[in-house]
Amino acid sequence: MDYSTPVPSNEIDLAKEICCDELIEQPASREFVELAHLIMDEEDLTMPDDAQEALSLYIDLIYHIENI
């Protein structure tokens, strides 16, 4: 299942400029996706509807992963 969320290209360009030396074009690993789904189920997190919600979900997931 594809959970990608559309993001305007200008936001992608800005994120590249601020955060990335190089953009990784490959999708997340199967293990990360499985872990993310487990955390989302346990924490009652929902799939994002826009870029801001996607960023918030990503930050929440990273927080939970770092605290395992």
N, C-alpha and C. Protein backbone atom coordinates (compact mmCIF):
# COMPACT_ATOMS: atom_id res chain seq x y z
N MET A 1 0.85 -1.17 0.00
CA MET A 1 0.00 0.00 0.00
C MET A 1 0.90 1.24 0.00
N ASP A 2 0.57 2.23 -0.77
CA ASP A 2 1.36 3.45 -0.89
C ASP A 2 0.75 4.54 0.00
N TYR A 3 1.50 4.96 1.02
CA TYR A 3 1.03 5.99 1.94
C TYR A 3 1.67 7.34 1.66
N SER A 4 2.17 7.51 0.46
CA SER A 4 2.81 8.78 0.10
C SER A 4 1.81 9.92 0.19
N THR A 5 2.31 11.09 0.53
CA THR A 5 1.49 12.29 0.60
C THR A 5 2.08 13.31 -0.36
N PRO A 6 1.27 13.86 -1.27
CA PRO A 6 1.79 14.85 -2.22
C PRO A 6 2.33 16.08 -1.49
N VAL A 7 3.47 16.58 -1.95
CA VAL A 7 4.10 17.76 -1.38
C VAL A 7 4.49 18.68 -2.52
N PRO A 8 4.18 19.97 -2.40
CA PRO A 8 4.57 20.91 -3.47
C PRO A 8 6.08 20.90 -3.69
N SER A 9 6.49 21.03 -4.94
CA SER A 9 7.92 20.93 -5.27
C SER A 9 8.75 22.02 -4.60
N ASN A 10 8.16 23.19 -4.37
CA ASN A 10 8.94 24.24 -3.70
C ASN A 10 9.25 23.86 -2.25
N GLU A 11 8.37 23.10 -1.59
CA GLU A 11 8.64 22.64 -0.23
C GLU A 11 9.73 21.57 -0.24
N ILE A 12 9.74 20.73 -1.26
CA ILE A 12 10.78 19.71 -1.38
C ILE A 12 12.13 20.38 -1.60
N ASP A 13 12.17 21.37 -2.49
CA ASP A 13 13.42 22.10 -2.75
C ASP A 13 13.93 22.77 -1.48
N LEU A 14 13.05 23.37 -0.71
CA LEU A 14 13.44 24.03 0.53
C LEU A 14 13.98 23.01 1.53
N ALA A 15 13.32 21.88 1.65
CA ALA A 15 13.78 20.83 2.56
C ALA A 15 15.15 20.31 2.15
N LYS A 16 15.37 20.13 0.86
CA LYS A 16 16.68 19.68 0.37
C LYS A 16 17.75 20.70 0.74
N GLU A 17 17.44 21.97 0.54
CA GLU A 17 18.40 23.02 0.81
C GLU A 17 18.76 23.10 2.29
N ILE A 18 17.77 22.94 3.15
CA ILE A 18 17.98 23.09 4.59
C ILE A 18 18.56 21.82 5.22
N CYS A 19 18.07 20.67 4.81
CA CYS A 19 18.32 19.44 5.58
C CYS A 19 19.23 18.41 4.92
N CYS A 20 19.36 18.41 3.64
CA CYS A 20 19.98 17.25 2.99
C CYS A 20 21.21 17.61 2.18
N ASP A 21 22.23 16.79 2.35
CA ASP A 21 23.36 16.88 1.44
C ASP A 21 23.02 16.19 0.13
N GLU A 22 22.25 15.10 0.25
CA GLU A 22 21.74 14.41 -0.93
C GLU A 22 20.41 13.77 -0.57
N LEU A 23 19.51 13.71 -1.51
CA LEU A 23 18.19 13.14 -1.29
C LEU A 23 18.24 11.65 -1.58
N ILE A 24 17.76 10.86 -0.66
CA ILE A 24 17.69 9.42 -0.87
C ILE A 24 16.39 9.12 -1.62
N GLU A 25 16.51 8.57 -2.79
CA GLU A 25 15.36 8.34 -3.65
C GLU A 25 14.65 7.02 -3.40
N GLN A 26 15.23 6.16 -2.56
CA GLN A 26 14.61 4.86 -2.35
C GLN A 26 13.54 4.95 -1.26
N PRO A 27 12.54 4.10 -1.32
CA PRO A 27 11.51 4.11 -0.28
C PRO A 27 12.07 3.58 1.04
N ALA A 28 11.32 3.75 2.10
CA ALA A 28 11.74 3.27 3.41
C ALA A 28 11.88 1.75 3.39
N SER A 29 12.74 1.25 4.26
CA SER A 29 12.93 -0.20 4.33
C SER A 29 11.66 -0.88 4.84
N ARG A 30 11.53 -2.13 4.51
CA ARG A 30 10.37 -2.91 4.94
C ARG A 30 10.30 -2.93 6.47
N GLU A 31 11.45 -3.05 7.12
CA GLU A 31 11.51 -3.08 8.58
C GLU A 31 11.00 -1.78 9.18
N PHE A 32 11.41 -0.65 8.59
CA PHE A 32 10.95 0.65 9.11
C PHE A 32 9.44 0.78 8.95
N VAL A 33 8.94 0.38 7.81
CA VAL A 33 7.50 0.48 7.56
C VAL A 33 6.72 -0.38 8.56
N GLU A 34 7.20 -1.59 8.81
CA GLU A 34 6.53 -2.46 9.79
C GLU A 34 6.57 -1.86 11.18
N LEU A 35 7.73 -1.33 11.58
CA LEU A 35 7.86 -0.70 12.88
C LEU A 35 6.95 0.53 12.99
N ALA A 36 6.92 1.33 11.93
CA ALA A 36 6.06 2.51 11.92
C ALA A 36 4.59 2.12 12.09
N HIS A 37 4.17 1.08 11.42
CA HIS A 37 2.77 0.63 11.55
C HIS A 37 2.48 0.15 12.97
N LEU A 38 3.42 -0.57 13.58
CA LEU A 38 3.23 -1.02 14.96
C LEU A 38 3.09 0.18 15.91
N ILE A 39 3.97 1.15 15.75
CA ILE A 39 3.91 2.34 16.60
C ILE A 39 2.62 3.10 16.36
N MET A 40 2.24 3.25 15.10
CA MET A 40 1.01 3.97 14.80
C MET A 40 -0.20 3.29 15.43
N ASP A 41 -0.24 1.96 15.38
CA ASP A 41 -1.34 1.22 16.00
C ASP A 41 -1.35 1.42 17.52
N GLU A 42 -0.18 1.26 18.14
CA GLU A 42 -0.08 1.38 19.60
C GLU A 42 -0.37 2.79 20.10
N GLU A 43 0.04 3.78 19.35
CA GLU A 43 -0.11 5.18 19.77
C GLU A 43 -1.34 5.85 19.17
N ASP A 44 -2.14 5.09 18.43
CA ASP A 44 -3.36 5.60 17.79
C ASP A 44 -3.06 6.79 16.87
N LEU A 45 -1.97 6.68 16.11
CA LEU A 45 -1.61 7.71 15.14
C LEU A 45 -2.28 7.39 13.81
N THR A 46 -2.65 8.42 13.06
CA THR A 46 -3.34 8.22 11.78
C THR A 46 -2.48 8.68 10.61
N MET A 47 -2.83 8.17 9.43
CA MET A 47 -2.13 8.56 8.22
C MET A 47 -2.39 10.04 7.94
N PRO A 48 -1.38 10.75 7.45
CA PRO A 48 -1.52 12.19 7.21
C PRO A 48 -2.37 12.49 5.98
N ASP A 49 -2.98 13.68 6.00
CA ASP A 49 -3.76 14.15 4.86
C ASP A 49 -3.04 15.24 4.08
N ASP A 50 -1.98 15.80 4.66
CA ASP A 50 -1.24 16.85 3.97
C ASP A 50 0.22 16.83 4.44
N ALA A 51 1.02 17.70 3.88
CA ALA A 51 2.45 17.72 4.17
C ALA A 51 2.73 18.03 5.63
N GLN A 52 2.00 18.94 6.23
CA GLN A 52 2.23 19.30 7.63
C GLN A 52 1.93 18.13 8.55
N GLU A 53 0.84 17.41 8.29
CA GLU A 53 0.51 16.23 9.08
C GLU A 53 1.55 15.12 8.86
N ALA A 54 2.07 15.01 7.65
CA ALA A 54 3.11 14.01 7.36
C ALA A 54 4.37 14.31 8.15
N LEU A 55 4.75 15.57 8.22
CA LEU A 55 5.91 15.97 9.01
C LEU A 55 5.69 15.67 10.48
N SER A 56 4.51 15.98 10.98
CA SER A 56 4.18 15.72 12.38
C SER A 56 4.23 14.22 12.69
N LEU A 57 3.68 13.41 11.80
CA LEU A 57 3.72 11.95 11.98
C LEU A 57 5.16 11.46 11.98
N TYR A 58 5.97 11.93 11.06
CA TYR A 58 7.38 11.52 10.99
C TYR A 58 8.10 11.86 12.29
N ILE A 59 7.90 13.06 12.80
CA ILE A 59 8.54 13.48 14.05
C ILE A 59 8.07 12.59 15.20
N ASP A 60 6.77 12.30 15.25
CA ASP A 60 6.24 11.41 16.29
C ASP A 60 6.86 10.02 16.20
N LEU A 61 6.96 9.49 14.99
CA LEU A 61 7.53 8.16 14.81
C LEU A 61 9.00 8.13 15.24
N ILE A 62 9.77 9.11 14.84
CA ILE A 62 11.18 9.16 15.21
C ILE A 62 11.31 9.26 16.74
N TYR A 63 10.47 10.06 17.37
CA TYR A 63 10.49 10.19 18.84
C TYR A 63 10.26 8.82 19.48
N HIS A 64 9.25 8.09 19.02
CA HIS A 64 8.93 6.79 19.60
C HIS A 64 10.04 5.78 19.33
N ILE A 65 10.62 5.82 18.15
CA ILE A 65 11.71 4.89 17.82
C ILE A 65 12.92 5.16 18.70
N GLU A 66 13.24 6.44 18.90
CA GLU A 66 14.41 6.77 19.73
C GLU A 66 14.20 6.37 21.19
N ASN A 67 12.96 6.23 21.61
CA ASN A 67 12.66 5.89 23.00
C ASN A 67 12.31 4.43 23.20
N ILE A 68 12.65 3.59 22.25
CA ILE A 68 12.40 2.15 22.40
C ILE A 68 13.47 1.56 23.29
